Amino acid sequence: MRTRETWNPYLAGVALGLVLLSAYLVAGNGLGATALPKRLLALLGNGLAPEWTRANPMLGGYVAEGASPLRNWMVFEVLGVMLGGFLGALTGGRLQVKVEKGPRVSVRARLIFALVGGIVMGFAAALARGCTSGQALSGGAVLATGSWVFMLMVFAGGYATAWFVRRQWT
């Protein structure tokens, strides 16, 4: 399959802004990605330890009064993002299985770094009360001070960390 040109970043930014605006107009909420993992955890917890899950301050609200944790529009939003990414890669000729890595790191090490980084970001998203998409896009769009501070710290942390991991990529 032939690889096509990528989107113009300005056009993609405008399209993302219109999707965010549509989410606020249609659902009354912004965008975010942490809803699905939390709700899957609540579903799993409710199946394995229902009393503990109902008493848990983070998960209890998802299963209160017999509610289904997966009955939420943000669950479908995240599934739609995954499906859209898959279809975009497929139609753009970019669908392939590969691990992006630098020349000085093994595939195994790269996957371990990615897993550890994902776990750290998951905990950080829970502490920050939202993921980077929820904080930056949705919070930033409504000019929430905490979201702007969060994103400044994300960029500062990335810049500060880059020096220590640069040899993995060069």
Protein backbone atom coordinates (compact mmCIF):
# COMPACT_ATOMS: atom_id res chain seq x y z
CA MET A 1 0.00 0.00 0.00
CA ARG A 2 1.34 3.44 -0.92
CA THR A 3 2.01 5.99 1.86
CA ARG A 4 0.12 9.27 1.45
CA GLU A 5 1.09 12.71 2.63
CA THR A 6 0.18 13.58 6.19
CA TRP A 7 -2.35 16.25 7.07
CA ASN A 8 -1.34 19.86 7.21
CA PRO A 9 -0.82 20.49 10.97
CA TYR A 10 -2.81 23.74 10.88
CA LEU A 11 -5.74 22.06 9.17
CA ALA A 12 -5.53 19.18 11.68
CA GLY A 13 -5.52 21.70 14.54
CA VAL A 14 -8.63 23.43 13.20
CA ALA A 15 -10.35 20.06 12.75
CA LEU A 16 -9.47 19.07 16.32
CA GLY A 17 -10.81 22.39 17.59
CA LEU A 18 -14.08 21.79 15.75
CA VAL A 19 -14.33 18.29 17.24
CA LEU A 20 -13.78 19.78 20.71
CA LEU A 21 -16.40 22.46 20.11
CA SER A 22 -18.83 19.80 18.87
CA ALA A 23 -18.21 17.71 22.00
CA TYR A 24 -19.09 20.69 24.20
CA LEU A 25 -22.19 21.51 22.15
CA VAL A 26 -23.51 17.96 21.81
CA ALA A 27 -22.43 16.26 25.06
CA GLY A 28 -21.71 19.22 27.33
CA ASN A 29 -18.22 17.84 28.03
CA GLY A 30 -14.75 18.22 26.58
CA LEU A 31 -12.50 15.46 25.32
CA GLY A 32 -10.40 13.10 27.39
CA ALA A 33 -8.93 9.62 27.38
CA THR A 34 -8.74 8.50 31.01
CA ALA A 35 -12.43 7.63 31.19
CA LEU A 36 -12.06 4.22 29.55
CA PRO A 37 -9.28 2.76 31.75
CA LYS A 38 -10.99 3.96 34.95
CA ARG A 39 -14.32 2.57 33.85
CA LEU A 40 -12.77 -0.75 32.80
CA LEU A 41 -11.09 -0.94 36.21
CA ALA A 42 -14.45 -0.25 37.87
CA LEU A 43 -16.08 -2.99 35.78
CA LEU A 44 -13.33 -5.47 36.66
CA GLY A 45 -13.37 -4.46 40.33
CA ASN A 46 -17.13 -4.76 40.52
CA GLY A 47 -16.92 -8.27 39.10
CA LEU A 48 -14.12 -9.42 41.42
CA ALA A 49 -14.73 -7.40 44.61
CA PRO A 50 -18.04 -5.53 44.44
CA GLU A 51 -18.05 -4.34 48.07
CA TRP A 52 -14.54 -2.92 47.80
CA THR A 53 -15.33 -1.25 44.45
CA ARG A 54 -18.51 0.39 45.77
CA ALA A 55 -16.58 1.67 48.82
CA ASN A 56 -13.65 2.93 46.74
CA PRO A 57 -13.78 6.75 46.40
CA MET A 58 -12.40 6.70 42.85
CA LEU A 59 -14.43 3.77 41.46
CA GLY A 60 -17.58 3.70 43.59
CA GLY A 61 -19.41 6.36 41.62
CA TYR A 62 -19.11 4.33 38.43
CA VAL A 63 -21.02 1.38 39.91
CA ALA A 64 -23.36 3.17 42.33
CA GLU A 65 -26.96 1.95 42.33
CA GLY A 66 -26.20 -0.80 39.83
CA ALA A 67 -24.93 1.57 37.13
CA SER A 68 -22.86 0.12 34.29
CA PRO A 69 -19.40 1.70 34.23
CA LEU A 70 -19.25 1.44 30.45
CA ARG A 71 -22.49 3.35 29.89
CA ASN A 72 -20.86 6.70 29.22
CA TRP A 73 -20.26 8.66 26.05
CA MET A 74 -16.53 9.08 26.80
CA VAL A 75 -16.05 5.30 26.61
CA PHE A 76 -17.35 5.44 23.05
CA GLU A 77 -15.21 8.52 22.37
CA VAL A 78 -12.04 6.59 23.26
CA LEU A 79 -13.15 3.55 21.24
CA GLY A 80 -13.89 5.91 18.35
CA VAL A 81 -10.40 7.43 18.62
CA MET A 82 -8.86 3.94 18.44
CA LEU A 83 -11.04 2.98 15.49
CA GLY A 84 -10.34 6.29 13.76
CA GLY A 85 -6.59 5.87 14.26
CA PHE A 86 -6.75 2.37 12.82
CA LEU A 87 -8.80 3.49 9.80
CA GLY A 88 -6.55 6.52 9.28
CA ALA A 89 -3.44 4.34 9.26
CA LEU A 90 -5.12 1.81 6.99
CA THR A 91 -6.34 4.36 4.44
CA GLY A 92 -3.09 6.35 4.64
CA GLY A 93 -0.94 3.33 3.85
CA ARG A 94 0.75 3.48 7.25
CA LEU A 95 -0.71 0.39 8.95
CA GLN A 96 2.16 -1.81 10.04
CA VAL A 97 3.51 -3.53 13.11
CA LYS A 98 6.81 -1.99 14.17
CA VAL A 99 8.53 -0.52 17.20
CA GLU A 100 9.88 3.01 16.83
CA LYS A 101 13.26 3.17 18.56
CA GLY A 102 16.67 4.72 18.39
CA PRO A 103 19.77 2.86 17.20
CA ARG A 104 21.19 2.38 20.72
CA VAL A 105 18.22 0.69 22.37
CA SER A 106 16.81 -2.79 21.90
CA VAL A 107 13.19 -3.48 21.06
CA ARG A 108 12.73 -5.09 24.47
CA ALA A 109 14.14 -2.07 26.31
CA ARG A 110 12.01 0.29 24.22
CA LEU A 111 8.86 -1.65 25.09
CA ILE A 112 9.80 -1.69 28.79
CA PHE A 113 10.44 2.09 28.72
CA ALA A 114 7.09 2.61 27.00
CA LEU A 115 5.27 0.46 29.57
CA VAL A 116 6.89 2.22 32.53
CA GLY A 117 6.21 5.62 30.97
CA GLY A 118 2.59 4.69 30.37
CA ILE A 119 2.13 3.55 33.96
CA VAL A 120 3.69 6.78 35.28
CA MET A 121 1.48 8.86 32.97
CA GLY A 122 -1.59 6.91 34.10
CA PHE A 123 -0.90 7.66 37.76
CA ALA A 124 -0.07 11.27 36.91
CA ALA A 125 -3.34 11.62 35.01
CA ALA A 126 -5.24 10.34 38.03
CA LEU A 127 -3.43 12.79 40.32
CA ALA A 128 -3.96 15.68 37.88
CA ARG A 129 -7.65 14.78 37.52
CA GLY A 130 -7.30 14.30 33.78
CA CYS A 131 -5.03 13.17 31.00
CA THR A 132 -3.06 15.48 28.75
CA SER A 133 -5.86 15.59 26.19
CA GLY A 134 -8.44 16.40 28.84
CA GLN A 135 -6.21 18.92 30.58
CA ALA A 136 -4.68 20.59 27.52
CA LEU A 137 -7.59 20.54 25.10
CA SER A 138 -10.68 20.69 27.26
CA GLY A 139 -9.24 22.55 30.23
CA GLY A 140 -7.15 24.87 28.08
CA ALA A 141 -10.11 25.68 25.86
CA VAL A 142 -12.11 26.94 28.83
CA LEU A 143 -9.02 28.80 30.15
CA ALA A 144 -8.71 26.72 33.34
CA THR A 145 -5.59 27.94 35.12
CA GLY A 146 -4.74 24.46 36.40
CA SER A 147 -4.77 23.08 32.86
CA TRP A 148 -2.41 25.76 31.59
CA VAL A 149 -0.04 25.19 34.53
CA PHE A 150 -0.25 21.43 33.97
CA MET A 151 0.73 21.75 30.31
CA LEU A 152 3.59 24.14 31.07
CA MET A 153 4.89 21.55 33.55
CA VAL A 154 4.49 18.74 31.01
CA PHE A 155 6.65 20.65 28.52
CA ALA A 156 9.16 21.67 31.21
CA GLY A 157 9.39 18.06 32.44
CA GLY A 158 9.84 16.76 28.91
CA TYR A 159 12.54 19.31 28.18
CA ALA A 160 14.35 18.56 31.46
CA THR A 161 14.18 14.80 30.89
CA ALA A 162 15.22 14.89 27.23
CA TRP A 163 18.90 15.37 28.05
CA PHE A 164 18.98 12.14 30.06
CA VAL A 165 17.35 9.96 27.40
CA ARG A 166 18.64 11.57 24.22
CA ARG A 167 21.31 8.90 23.67
CA GLN A 168 18.54 6.33 23.27
CA TRP A 169 17.39 8.15 20.12
CA THR A 170 20.58 9.47 18.50
